[in-house]
């Protein structure tokens, strides 16, 4: 069983590339938007009840 499985990555594989900066910005802006909408929902619930 000294053979490596073809489904596993090679042991000498390079480090994974970092995510692009545009993707990070999109995630950051999405998180801000969702927090803003969550705040709106909480305020709506408080006013409704």
N, C-alpha and C. Protein backbone atom coordinates (compact mmCIF):
# COMPACT_ATOMS: atom_id res chain seq x y z
N UNK A 1 0.82 -1.19 0.00
CA UNK A 1 0.00 0.00 0.00
C UNK A 1 0.86 1.26 0.00
N UNK A 2 1.99 1.19 -0.64
CA UNK A 2 2.84 2.37 -0.69
C UNK A 2 2.41 3.35 -1.76
N UNK A 3 1.51 2.93 -2.64
CA UNK A 3 1.02 3.84 -3.67
C UNK A 3 0.09 4.87 -3.06
N UNK A 4 0.16 6.08 -3.60
CA UNK A 4 -0.75 7.13 -3.14
C UNK A 4 -2.06 7.04 -3.92
N UNK A 5 -3.14 7.27 -3.23
CA UNK A 5 -4.44 7.23 -3.88
C UNK A 5 -4.53 8.35 -4.93
N UNK A 6 -5.14 8.08 -6.08
CA UNK A 6 -5.27 9.13 -7.09
C UNK A 6 -6.23 10.24 -6.68
N UNK A 7 -7.00 10.03 -5.62
CA UNK A 7 -7.96 11.03 -5.18
C UNK A 7 -7.39 12.01 -4.16
N UNK A 8 -6.24 11.71 -3.61
CA UNK A 8 -5.62 12.60 -2.63
C UNK A 8 -4.62 13.53 -3.33
N UNK A 9 -4.46 14.74 -2.81
CA UNK A 9 -3.47 15.63 -3.42
C UNK A 9 -2.05 15.12 -3.19
N UNK A 10 -1.16 15.53 -4.05
CA UNK A 10 0.23 15.12 -3.91
C UNK A 10 0.83 15.77 -2.67
N UNK A 11 1.78 15.10 -2.09
CA UNK A 11 2.42 15.62 -0.88
C UNK A 11 3.23 16.88 -1.16
N UNK A 12 3.75 17.02 -2.38
CA UNK A 12 4.61 18.16 -2.72
C UNK A 12 3.82 19.31 -3.34
N UNK A 13 2.51 19.31 -3.17
CA UNK A 13 1.72 20.36 -3.81
C UNK A 13 2.03 21.73 -3.20
N UNK A 14 1.94 22.75 -4.03
CA UNK A 14 2.22 24.11 -3.59
C UNK A 14 1.10 24.61 -2.69
N UNK A 15 1.39 25.69 -1.97
CA UNK A 15 0.38 26.29 -1.09
C UNK A 15 -0.77 26.83 -1.93
N UNK A 16 -1.98 26.77 -1.42
CA UNK A 16 -3.12 27.28 -2.19
C UNK A 16 -3.02 28.79 -2.41
N UNK A 17 -3.52 29.22 -3.56
CA UNK A 17 -3.47 30.64 -3.87
C UNK A 17 -4.45 31.40 -2.99
N UNK A 18 -4.10 32.62 -2.57
CA UNK A 18 -5.04 33.41 -1.78
C UNK A 18 -6.21 33.86 -2.65
N UNK A 19 -7.33 34.14 -2.01
CA UNK A 19 -8.50 34.58 -2.78
C UNK A 19 -8.26 35.98 -3.34
N UNK A 20 -8.83 36.29 -4.49
CA UNK A 20 -8.64 37.60 -5.10
C UNK A 20 -9.22 38.71 -4.22
N UNK A 21 -8.64 39.89 -4.31
CA UNK A 21 -9.08 41.00 -3.45
C UNK A 21 -10.51 41.42 -3.78
N UNK A 22 -10.92 41.29 -5.01
CA UNK A 22 -12.28 41.64 -5.38
C UNK A 22 -13.30 40.74 -4.70
N UNK A 23 -12.97 39.47 -4.56
CA UNK A 23 -13.84 38.52 -3.87
C UNK A 23 -13.95 38.87 -2.40
N UNK A 24 -12.83 39.25 -1.79
CA UNK A 24 -12.84 39.64 -0.38
C UNK A 24 -13.69 40.89 -0.16
N UNK A 25 -13.58 41.85 -1.07
CA UNK A 25 -14.39 43.06 -0.96
C UNK A 25 -15.87 42.73 -1.10
N UNK A 26 -16.20 41.84 -2.04
CA UNK A 26 -17.60 41.45 -2.22
C UNK A 26 -18.13 40.77 -0.96
N UNK A 27 -17.36 39.91 -0.33
CA UNK A 27 -17.78 39.27 0.91
C UNK A 27 -17.98 40.29 2.02
N UNK A 28 -17.07 41.24 2.11
CA UNK A 28 -17.14 42.28 3.14
C UNK A 28 -18.39 43.13 2.95
N UNK A 29 -18.65 43.57 1.72
CA UNK A 29 -19.83 44.39 1.45
C UNK A 29 -21.12 43.61 1.65
N UNK A 30 -21.12 42.34 1.32
CA UNK A 30 -22.29 41.51 1.55
C UNK A 30 -22.57 41.37 3.03
N UNK A 31 -21.53 41.20 3.83
CA UNK A 31 -21.72 41.09 5.28
C UNK A 31 -22.28 42.39 5.85
N UNK A 32 -21.77 43.52 5.40
CA UNK A 32 -22.27 44.82 5.87
C UNK A 32 -23.74 44.97 5.49
N UNK A 33 -24.10 44.63 4.26
CA UNK A 33 -25.48 44.74 3.81
C UNK A 33 -26.41 43.86 4.64
N UNK A 34 -25.99 42.61 4.89
CA UNK A 34 -26.83 41.71 5.66
C UNK A 34 -26.99 42.17 7.10
N UNK A 35 -25.95 42.74 7.69
CA UNK A 35 -26.08 43.29 9.04
C UNK A 35 -27.02 44.48 9.06
N UNK A 36 -26.96 45.31 8.03
CA UNK A 36 -27.86 46.46 7.91
C UNK A 36 -29.31 45.98 7.82
N UNK A 37 -29.55 44.98 6.97
CA UNK A 37 -30.91 44.45 6.82
C UNK A 37 -31.39 43.77 8.10
N UNK A 38 -30.50 43.12 8.82
CA UNK A 38 -30.84 42.51 10.10
C UNK A 38 -31.27 43.59 11.09
N UNK A 39 -30.55 44.69 11.12
CA UNK A 39 -30.92 45.81 11.98
C UNK A 39 -32.28 46.36 11.61
N UNK A 40 -32.56 46.49 10.32
CA UNK A 40 -33.87 46.95 9.89
C UNK A 40 -34.97 45.99 10.33
N UNK A 41 -34.71 44.70 10.24
CA UNK A 41 -35.69 43.72 10.66
C UNK A 41 -35.96 43.77 12.16
N UNK A 42 -34.91 43.96 12.94
CA UNK A 42 -35.08 44.05 14.39
C UNK A 42 -35.89 45.30 14.73
N UNK A 43 -35.58 46.42 14.11
CA UNK A 43 -36.33 47.65 14.36
C UNK A 43 -37.79 47.48 13.94
N UNK A 44 -38.03 46.81 12.81
CA UNK A 44 -39.40 46.57 12.36
C UNK A 44 -40.16 45.72 13.37
N UNK A 45 -39.49 44.67 13.89
CA UNK A 45 -40.14 43.81 14.89
C UNK A 45 -40.46 44.58 16.16
N UNK A 46 -39.56 45.43 16.61
CA UNK A 46 -39.78 46.22 17.82
C UNK A 46 -40.98 47.16 17.61
N UNK A 47 -41.05 47.81 16.46
CA UNK A 47 -42.15 48.73 16.18
C UNK A 47 -43.47 47.98 16.01
N UNK A 48 -43.42 46.80 15.48
CA UNK A 48 -44.64 46.03 15.20
C UNK A 48 -45.26 45.50 16.49
N UNK A 49 -44.43 45.07 17.44
CA UNK A 49 -44.96 44.48 18.67
C UNK A 49 -44.73 45.43 19.78
